[in-house]
C-alpha cells in the first residue's frame, strides 16, 4: 500500500457515469471554476473605494480525450440522448477518479448535472496499429473534489 504522503501519479484515471466505470482516457482536462466579481459603491461613501461582491459561479467544460470505453456504446448513447432532445434524461452525476499505483481510488472529482456537448468517434485505419480512441466534451453545473 502506498504511503499516505506519496503524491498520486496523474496517469491512471477512469470516467464514472452514475457510479459505474465507463471509460478510460489518456487525457482529462479538469475544468477550472471562477466567481464573477461585481464592483459596487454607494454614492454616499466617504472612501473612493469600490466593494467587491460575489456574482455567479461558472465552470469550464470537462474534456476527455483518447478514450477507450469499457462499455463500447455508453458514451455514444449518452450523447445520442442530447441529440434526440432528451436533455433531462442525459443530465447525470459523473466522476473522474484518479487511481493510485495499486489501482485503488485516490482522488475523485464529481460533476453535477453533466451532459455531453460533443462526441468524437475514433478514426479508423486498417493499415495502422493505433488503438481506436474516442473523445468527449462535457458541460456541467458544478464540480466538487470529494476524495
N, C-alpha and C. Protein backbone atom coordinates (compact mmCIF):
# COMPACT_ATOMS: atom_id res chain seq x y z
N UNK A 1 0.85 -1.20 0.00
CA UNK A 1 0.00 0.00 0.00
C UNK A 1 0.88 1.24 0.00
N UNK A 2 0.61 2.20 -0.89
CA UNK A 2 1.43 3.41 -0.94
C UNK A 2 1.30 4.22 0.34
N UNK A 3 2.37 4.90 0.70
CA UNK A 3 2.39 5.79 1.85
C UNK A 3 1.40 6.93 1.62
N UNK A 4 0.69 7.35 2.67
CA UNK A 4 -0.32 8.41 2.54
C UNK A 4 0.28 9.72 2.06
N UNK A 5 1.58 9.93 2.27
CA UNK A 5 2.23 11.16 1.83
C UNK A 5 2.74 11.10 0.40
N UNK A 6 2.62 9.94 -0.25
CA UNK A 6 3.11 9.80 -1.61
C UNK A 6 2.17 10.49 -2.59
N UNK A 7 2.70 11.38 -3.42
CA UNK A 7 1.82 12.04 -4.41
C UNK A 7 1.24 11.03 -5.39
N UNK A 8 0.01 11.27 -5.80
CA UNK A 8 -0.62 10.43 -6.81
C UNK A 8 -0.06 10.76 -8.18
N UNK A 9 0.16 9.75 -8.99
CA UNK A 9 0.56 9.99 -10.37
C UNK A 9 -0.71 10.31 -11.16
N UNK A 10 -0.57 11.10 -12.20
CA UNK A 10 -1.76 11.55 -12.93
C UNK A 10 -2.03 10.71 -14.18
N UNK A 11 -1.65 9.43 -14.17
CA UNK A 11 -1.79 8.64 -15.39
C UNK A 11 -2.71 7.43 -15.27
N UNK A 12 -3.48 7.32 -14.19
CA UNK A 12 -4.43 6.22 -14.05
C UNK A 12 -5.76 6.79 -13.57
N UNK A 13 -6.70 6.94 -14.47
CA UNK A 13 -7.99 7.51 -14.08
C UNK A 13 -9.08 6.94 -14.96
N UNK A 14 -10.30 6.99 -14.45
CA UNK A 14 -11.47 6.46 -15.14
C UNK A 14 -12.60 7.47 -15.08
N UNK A 15 -13.52 7.35 -16.02
CA UNK A 15 -14.75 8.12 -16.02
C UNK A 15 -15.86 7.23 -15.50
N UNK A 16 -16.57 7.71 -14.48
CA UNK A 16 -17.75 7.02 -13.96
C UNK A 16 -18.99 7.81 -14.37
N UNK A 17 -20.00 7.09 -14.83
CA UNK A 17 -21.30 7.69 -15.10
C UNK A 17 -22.31 6.96 -14.24
N UNK A 18 -23.01 7.70 -13.39
CA UNK A 18 -23.96 7.11 -12.43
C UNK A 18 -23.32 6.01 -11.60
N UNK A 19 -22.07 6.23 -11.16
CA UNK A 19 -21.40 5.30 -10.27
C UNK A 19 -20.79 4.07 -10.93
N UNK A 20 -20.84 3.97 -12.26
CA UNK A 20 -20.31 2.81 -12.97
C UNK A 20 -19.13 3.26 -13.84
N UNK A 21 -17.97 2.58 -13.70
CA UNK A 21 -16.83 2.91 -14.55
C UNK A 21 -17.19 2.62 -16.00
N UNK A 22 -17.07 3.64 -16.85
CA UNK A 22 -17.48 3.51 -18.24
C UNK A 22 -16.32 3.58 -19.23
N UNK A 23 -15.28 4.37 -18.93
CA UNK A 23 -14.21 4.55 -19.90
C UNK A 23 -12.94 5.06 -19.25
N UNK A 24 -11.81 4.72 -19.88
CA UNK A 24 -10.53 5.28 -19.51
C UNK A 24 -10.09 6.22 -20.62
N UNK A 25 -9.34 7.24 -20.30
CA UNK A 25 -8.88 8.21 -21.28
C UNK A 25 -7.40 8.47 -21.07
N UNK A 26 -6.72 8.89 -22.13
CA UNK A 26 -5.31 9.22 -21.97
C UNK A 26 -5.12 10.65 -21.48
N UNK A 27 -6.14 11.51 -21.67
CA UNK A 27 -6.06 12.90 -21.22
C UNK A 27 -7.40 13.32 -20.63
N UNK A 28 -7.35 13.94 -19.47
CA UNK A 28 -8.54 14.54 -18.85
C UNK A 28 -8.19 15.97 -18.48
N UNK A 29 -8.85 16.92 -19.09
CA UNK A 29 -8.64 18.33 -18.76
C UNK A 29 -9.72 18.75 -17.77
N UNK A 30 -9.37 18.64 -16.47
CA UNK A 30 -10.32 19.00 -15.43
C UNK A 30 -10.55 20.51 -15.49
N UNK A 31 -11.80 20.92 -15.39
CA UNK A 31 -12.11 22.34 -15.59
C UNK A 31 -11.79 23.20 -14.38
N UNK A 32 -11.60 24.47 -14.67
CA UNK A 32 -11.45 25.45 -13.60
C UNK A 32 -12.82 26.02 -13.26
N UNK A 33 -12.90 26.62 -12.10
CA UNK A 33 -14.13 27.31 -11.72
C UNK A 33 -13.77 28.75 -11.37
N UNK A 34 -14.73 29.64 -11.52
CA UNK A 34 -14.49 31.03 -11.19
C UNK A 34 -15.79 31.67 -10.70
N UNK A 35 -15.64 32.74 -9.98
CA UNK A 35 -16.78 33.50 -9.48
C UNK A 35 -16.65 34.93 -10.01
N UNK A 36 -17.71 35.41 -10.63
CA UNK A 36 -17.72 36.75 -11.17
C UNK A 36 -17.60 37.77 -10.03
N UNK A 37 -16.83 38.80 -10.25
CA UNK A 37 -16.68 39.87 -9.27
C UNK A 37 -17.55 41.05 -9.69
N UNK A 38 -18.38 41.51 -8.77
CA UNK A 38 -19.24 42.67 -9.03
C UNK A 38 -18.72 43.83 -8.19
N UNK A 39 -18.34 44.89 -8.88
CA UNK A 39 -17.87 46.07 -8.17
C UNK A 39 -19.07 46.96 -7.84
N UNK A 40 -19.11 47.44 -6.58
CA UNK A 40 -20.27 48.18 -6.10
C UNK A 40 -19.78 49.31 -5.20
N UNK A 41 -20.40 50.46 -5.34
CA UNK A 41 -20.09 51.58 -4.46
C UNK A 41 -21.33 52.43 -4.31
N UNK A 42 -21.65 52.76 -3.08
CA UNK A 42 -22.77 53.66 -2.82
C UNK A 42 -22.29 55.10 -2.96
N UNK A 43 -23.17 55.96 -3.41
CA UNK A 43 -22.81 57.37 -3.66
C UNK A 43 -22.45 58.16 -2.43
N UNK A 44 -22.86 57.71 -1.24
CA UNK A 44 -22.60 58.50 -0.03
C UNK A 44 -21.40 57.98 0.77
N UNK A 45 -20.61 57.07 0.19
CA UNK A 45 -19.46 56.55 0.91
C UNK A 45 -18.33 57.57 0.91
N UNK A 46 -17.64 57.69 2.05
CA UNK A 46 -16.58 58.69 2.20
C UNK A 46 -15.31 58.28 1.46
N UNK A 47 -15.04 56.96 1.41
CA UNK A 47 -13.82 56.50 0.75
C UNK A 47 -14.10 56.22 -0.72
N UNK A 48 -13.22 56.63 -1.60
CA UNK A 48 -13.43 56.37 -3.04
C UNK A 48 -12.96 54.96 -3.42
N UNK A 49 -13.53 53.98 -2.76
CA UNK A 49 -13.15 52.59 -2.99
C UNK A 49 -14.40 51.77 -3.27
N UNK A 50 -14.30 50.91 -4.25
CA UNK A 50 -15.44 50.05 -4.55
C UNK A 50 -15.38 48.80 -3.68
N UNK A 51 -16.54 48.25 -3.41
CA UNK A 51 -16.63 46.96 -2.73
C UNK A 51 -16.60 45.87 -3.78
N UNK A 52 -16.12 44.73 -3.41
CA UNK A 52 -16.06 43.58 -4.31
C UNK A 52 -17.07 42.55 -3.81
N UNK A 53 -18.16 42.39 -4.56
CA UNK A 53 -19.21 41.44 -4.21
C UNK A 53 -19.09 40.21 -5.10
N UNK A 54 -19.59 39.09 -4.61
CA UNK A 54 -19.56 37.87 -5.42
C UNK A 54 -20.76 37.83 -6.35
N UNK A 55 -20.48 37.38 -7.56
CA UNK A 55 -21.53 37.21 -8.57
C UNK A 55 -21.77 35.73 -8.80
N UNK A 56 -22.05 35.37 -10.03
CA UNK A 56 -22.34 33.99 -10.39
C UNK A 56 -21.07 33.15 -10.51
N UNK A 57 -21.19 31.88 -10.14
CA UNK A 57 -20.11 30.92 -10.34
C UNK A 57 -20.21 30.37 -11.75
N UNK A 58 -19.08 30.09 -12.36
CA UNK A 58 -19.10 29.45 -13.67
C UNK A 58 -18.02 28.38 -13.71
N UNK A 59 -18.25 27.38 -14.56
CA UNK A 59 -17.36 26.23 -14.67
C UNK A 59 -17.06 25.96 -16.13
N UNK A 60 -15.80 25.73 -16.44
CA UNK A 60 -15.44 25.32 -17.80
C UNK A 60 -15.88 23.89 -18.02
N UNK A 61 -15.95 23.49 -19.29
CA UNK A 61 -16.32 22.11 -19.61
C UNK A 61 -15.18 21.15 -19.30
N UNK A 62 -15.56 19.92 -19.01
CA UNK A 62 -14.62 18.82 -18.83
C UNK A 62 -14.34 18.23 -20.20
N UNK A 63 -13.07 18.03 -20.55
CA UNK A 63 -12.70 17.44 -21.83
C UNK A 63 -11.91 16.17 -21.57
N UNK A 64 -12.36 15.08 -22.17
CA UNK A 64 -11.69 13.79 -22.06
C UNK A 64 -11.30 13.34 -23.46
N UNK A 65 -10.03 13.03 -23.65
CA UNK A 65 -9.53 12.67 -24.98
C UNK A 65 -8.79 11.35 -24.94
N UNK A 66 -8.79 10.68 -26.07
CA UNK A 66 -8.04 9.44 -26.19
C UNK A 66 -8.62 8.32 -25.37
N UNK A 67 -9.92 8.15 -25.41
CA UNK A 67 -10.58 7.19 -24.55
C UNK A 67 -10.86 5.86 -25.19
N UNK A 68 -10.94 4.87 -24.33
CA UNK A 68 -11.41 3.55 -24.72
C UNK A 68 -12.51 3.17 -23.74
N UNK A 69 -13.67 2.91 -24.26
CA UNK A 69 -14.82 2.63 -23.41
C UNK A 69 -14.88 1.16 -23.03
N UNK A 70 -15.15 0.90 -21.74
CA UNK A 70 -15.38 -0.48 -21.31
C UNK A 70 -16.71 -0.97 -21.86
N UNK A 71 -17.69 -0.09 -21.80
CA UNK A 71 -19.00 -0.36 -22.39
C UNK A 71 -19.00 0.41 -23.71
N UNK A 72 -18.73 -0.26 -24.80
CA UNK A 72 -18.47 0.38 -26.08
C UNK A 72 -19.53 1.39 -26.51
N UNK A 73 -20.77 1.21 -26.14
CA UNK A 73 -21.84 2.10 -26.59
C UNK A 73 -22.20 3.18 -25.57
N UNK A 74 -21.66 3.13 -24.37
CA UNK A 74 -22.10 4.02 -23.28
C UNK A 74 -21.96 5.50 -23.63
N UNK A 75 -20.80 5.91 -24.11
CA UNK A 75 -20.58 7.33 -24.41
C UNK A 75 -21.43 7.78 -25.59
N UNK A 76 -21.51 6.96 -26.62
CA UNK A 76 -22.32 7.30 -27.78
C UNK A 76 -23.80 7.43 -27.40
N UNK A 77 -24.32 6.48 -26.65
CA UNK A 77 -25.74 6.52 -26.25
C UNK A 77 -26.04 7.71 -25.37
N UNK A 78 -25.10 8.08 -24.51
CA UNK A 78 -25.28 9.25 -23.65
C UNK A 78 -25.37 10.51 -24.51
N UNK A 79 -24.47 10.64 -25.48
CA UNK A 79 -24.51 11.79 -26.40
C UNK A 79 -25.78 11.78 -27.24
N UNK A 80 -26.22 10.61 -27.68
CA UNK A 80 -27.42 10.47 -28.51
C UNK A 80 -28.66 11.00 -27.79
N UNK A 81 -28.73 10.83 -26.47
CA UNK A 81 -29.86 11.39 -25.71
C UNK A 81 -29.95 12.90 -25.91
N UNK A 82 -28.81 13.58 -25.89
CA UNK A 82 -28.80 15.04 -26.08
C UNK A 82 -29.24 15.37 -27.50
N UNK A 83 -28.69 14.65 -28.48
CA UNK A 83 -29.05 14.90 -29.88
C UNK A 83 -30.54 14.69 -30.13
N UNK A 84 -31.15 13.76 -29.41
CA UNK A 84 -32.57 13.46 -29.57
C UNK A 84 -33.46 14.37 -28.73
N UNK A 85 -32.86 15.39 -28.08
CA UNK A 85 -33.65 16.34 -27.30
C UNK A 85 -34.04 15.85 -25.92
N UNK A 86 -33.42 14.79 -25.44
CA UNK A 86 -33.74 14.23 -24.12
C UNK A 86 -32.71 14.70 -23.10
N UNK A 87 -32.55 16.03 -23.01
CA UNK A 87 -31.51 16.60 -22.16
C UNK A 87 -31.74 16.29 -20.68
N UNK A 88 -32.99 16.27 -20.23
CA UNK A 88 -33.25 15.96 -18.83
C UNK A 88 -32.82 14.53 -18.49
N UNK A 89 -33.00 13.61 -19.42
CA UNK A 89 -32.56 12.23 -19.20
C UNK A 89 -31.04 12.13 -19.26
N UNK A 90 -30.40 12.99 -20.04
CA UNK A 90 -28.95 12.94 -20.19
C UNK A 90 -28.20 13.54 -19.00
N UNK A 91 -28.80 14.51 -18.34
CA UNK A 91 -28.13 15.16 -17.20
C UNK A 91 -27.96 14.15 -16.07
N UNK A 92 -26.73 13.98 -15.62
CA UNK A 92 -26.46 12.99 -14.59
C UNK A 92 -25.22 13.37 -13.81
N UNK A 93 -24.94 12.64 -12.76
CA UNK A 93 -23.72 12.83 -11.99
C UNK A 93 -22.63 11.93 -12.56
N UNK A 94 -21.48 12.52 -12.82
CA UNK A 94 -20.33 11.75 -13.29
C UNK A 94 -19.16 12.03 -12.37
N UNK A 95 -18.12 11.23 -12.50
CA UNK A 95 -16.91 11.44 -11.71
C UNK A 95 -15.69 11.06 -12.52
N UNK A 96 -14.62 11.79 -12.30
CA UNK A 96 -13.30 11.40 -12.78
C UNK A 96 -12.57 10.91 -11.55
N UNK A 97 -12.13 9.65 -11.60
CA UNK A 97 -11.50 9.02 -10.45
C UNK A 97 -10.04 8.71 -10.78
N UNK A 98 -9.14 9.29 -9.99
CA UNK A 98 -7.71 9.06 -10.14
C UNK A 98 -7.32 7.90 -9.23
N UNK A 99 -6.62 6.92 -9.79
CA UNK A 99 -6.24 5.72 -9.03
C UNK A 99 -4.77 5.79 -8.61
N UNK A 100 -4.47 5.15 -7.47
CA UNK A 100 -3.08 5.09 -7.02
C UNK A 100 -2.34 3.97 -7.74
N UNK A 101 -1.11 3.74 -7.34
CA UNK A 101 -0.26 2.74 -8.00
C UNK A 101 -0.85 1.34 -7.97
N UNK A 102 -1.65 1.04 -6.95
CA UNK A 102 -2.24 -0.30 -6.81
C UNK A 102 -3.62 -0.41 -7.42
N UNK A 103 -4.12 0.69 -8.00
CA UNK A 103 -5.43 0.67 -8.64
C UNK A 103 -6.58 1.06 -7.74
N UNK A 104 -6.30 1.48 -6.51
CA UNK A 104 -7.36 1.92 -5.59
C UNK A 104 -7.67 3.40 -5.85
N UNK A 105 -8.95 3.80 -5.67
CA UNK A 105 -9.29 5.21 -5.87
C UNK A 105 -8.47 6.10 -4.94
N UNK A 106 -7.87 7.14 -5.50
CA UNK A 106 -7.05 8.03 -4.70
C UNK A 106 -7.59 9.45 -4.63
N UNK A 107 -8.20 9.92 -5.69
CA UNK A 107 -8.81 11.25 -5.74
C UNK A 107 -10.04 11.14 -6.62
N UNK A 108 -11.03 11.98 -6.31
CA UNK A 108 -12.31 11.88 -7.03
C UNK A 108 -12.91 13.27 -7.19
N UNK A 109 -13.26 13.60 -8.44
CA UNK A 109 -13.96 14.85 -8.74
C UNK A 109 -15.34 14.49 -9.28
N UNK A 110 -16.39 15.01 -8.65
CA UNK A 110 -17.76 14.73 -9.09
C UNK A 110 -18.34 15.97 -9.76
N UNK A 111 -19.06 15.72 -10.85
CA UNK A 111 -19.65 16.78 -11.66
C UNK A 111 -21.17 16.63 -11.63
N UNK A 112 -21.87 17.71 -11.26
CA UNK A 112 -23.33 17.69 -11.15
C UNK A 112 -24.00 18.05 -12.48
N UNK A 113 -25.10 17.39 -12.75
CA UNK A 113 -25.93 17.68 -13.92
C UNK A 113 -25.09 17.75 -15.20
N UNK A 114 -24.25 16.76 -15.38
CA UNK A 114 -23.34 16.72 -16.53
C UNK A 114 -24.04 16.14 -17.75
N UNK A 115 -23.65 16.65 -18.93
CA UNK A 115 -24.16 16.13 -20.20
C UNK A 115 -23.15 16.41 -21.30
N UNK A 116 -23.04 15.51 -22.27
CA UNK A 116 -22.03 15.65 -23.31
C UNK A 116 -22.43 16.68 -24.37
N UNK A 117 -21.55 17.64 -24.60
CA UNK A 117 -21.80 18.65 -25.63
C UNK A 117 -21.26 18.20 -26.98
N UNK A 118 -20.25 17.33 -26.97
CA UNK A 118 -19.72 16.82 -28.23
C UNK A 118 -19.09 15.45 -28.00
N UNK A 119 -19.10 14.66 -29.04
CA UNK A 119 -18.52 13.32 -29.02
C UNK A 119 -17.77 13.11 -30.32
N UNK A 120 -16.55 12.66 -30.24
CA UNK A 120 -15.73 12.42 -31.43
C UNK A 120 -15.41 10.93 -31.49
N UNK A 121 -15.95 10.27 -32.50
CA UNK A 121 -15.72 8.83 -32.68
C UNK A 121 -14.27 8.60 -33.11
N UNK A 122 -13.78 7.39 -32.95
CA UNK A 122 -12.39 7.11 -33.32
C UNK A 122 -12.18 7.15 -34.83
N UNK A 123 -10.97 7.52 -35.23
CA UNK A 123 -10.57 7.42 -36.63
C UNK A 123 -10.15 5.97 -36.87
N UNK A 124 -10.58 5.42 -37.99
CA UNK A 124 -10.27 4.02 -38.29
C UNK A 124 -9.31 3.95 -39.47
N UNK A 125 -8.30 3.08 -39.35
CA UNK A 125 -7.30 2.92 -40.40
C UNK A 125 -6.82 1.47 -40.37
N UNK A 126 -7.20 0.70 -41.37
CA UNK A 126 -6.87 -0.72 -41.41
C UNK A 126 -5.37 -0.97 -41.56
N UNK A 127 -4.60 0.02 -41.99
CA UNK A 127 -3.17 -0.17 -42.15
C UNK A 127 -2.38 0.26 -40.92
N UNK A 128 -3.05 0.86 -39.96
CA UNK A 128 -2.36 1.34 -38.76
C UNK A 128 -2.40 0.33 -37.64
N UNK A 129 -1.74 0.66 -36.55
CA UNK A 129 -1.77 -0.20 -35.38
C UNK A 129 -2.14 0.57 -34.12
N UNK A 130 -2.79 1.72 -34.29
CA UNK A 130 -3.21 2.53 -33.17
C UNK A 130 -4.48 1.96 -32.54
N UNK A 131 -4.70 2.36 -31.30
CA UNK A 131 -5.92 1.98 -30.59
C UNK A 131 -7.05 2.88 -31.05
N UNK A 132 -8.25 2.32 -31.22
CA UNK A 132 -9.43 3.13 -31.56
C UNK A 132 -9.81 3.94 -30.32
N UNK A 133 -9.75 5.26 -30.44
CA UNK A 133 -9.99 6.11 -29.28
C UNK A 133 -11.10 7.11 -29.55
N UNK A 134 -11.79 7.49 -28.48
CA UNK A 134 -12.88 8.45 -28.54
C UNK A 134 -12.50 9.67 -27.73
N UNK A 135 -13.20 10.78 -27.96
CA UNK A 135 -13.07 11.94 -27.08
C UNK A 135 -14.46 12.54 -26.88
N UNK A 136 -14.60 13.23 -25.75
CA UNK A 136 -15.91 13.77 -25.39
C UNK A 136 -15.72 15.05 -24.59
N UNK A 137 -16.61 16.01 -24.80
CA UNK A 137 -16.62 17.25 -24.02
C UNK A 137 -17.92 17.27 -23.23
N UNK A 138 -17.82 17.63 -21.95
CA UNK A 138 -18.96 17.51 -21.05
C UNK A 138 -19.20 18.83 -20.33
N UNK A 139 -20.42 19.34 -20.46
CA UNK A 139 -20.85 20.52 -19.71
C UNK A 139 -21.40 20.03 -18.37
N UNK A 140 -21.37 20.89 -17.38
CA UNK A 140 -21.87 20.51 -16.05
C UNK A 140 -22.23 21.78 -15.28
N UNK A 141 -22.86 21.58 -14.13
CA UNK A 141 -23.29 22.72 -13.32
C UNK A 141 -22.58 22.78 -11.98
N UNK A 142 -21.40 22.22 -11.92
CA UNK A 142 -20.60 22.30 -10.71
C UNK A 142 -19.73 21.08 -10.52
N UNK A 143 -18.56 21.30 -9.95
CA UNK A 143 -17.61 20.23 -9.68
C UNK A 143 -17.19 20.31 -8.23
N UNK A 144 -16.98 19.15 -7.62
CA UNK A 144 -16.56 19.08 -6.24
C UNK A 144 -15.51 18.00 -6.07
N UNK A 145 -14.42 18.30 -5.42
CA UNK A 145 -13.41 17.30 -5.07
C UNK A 145 -13.90 16.63 -3.81
N UNK A 146 -14.25 15.34 -3.88
CA UNK A 146 -14.83 14.65 -2.74
C UNK A 146 -13.88 13.64 -2.10
N UNK A 147 -12.75 13.41 -2.71
CA UNK A 147 -11.78 12.48 -2.12
C UNK A 147 -10.40 12.93 -2.53
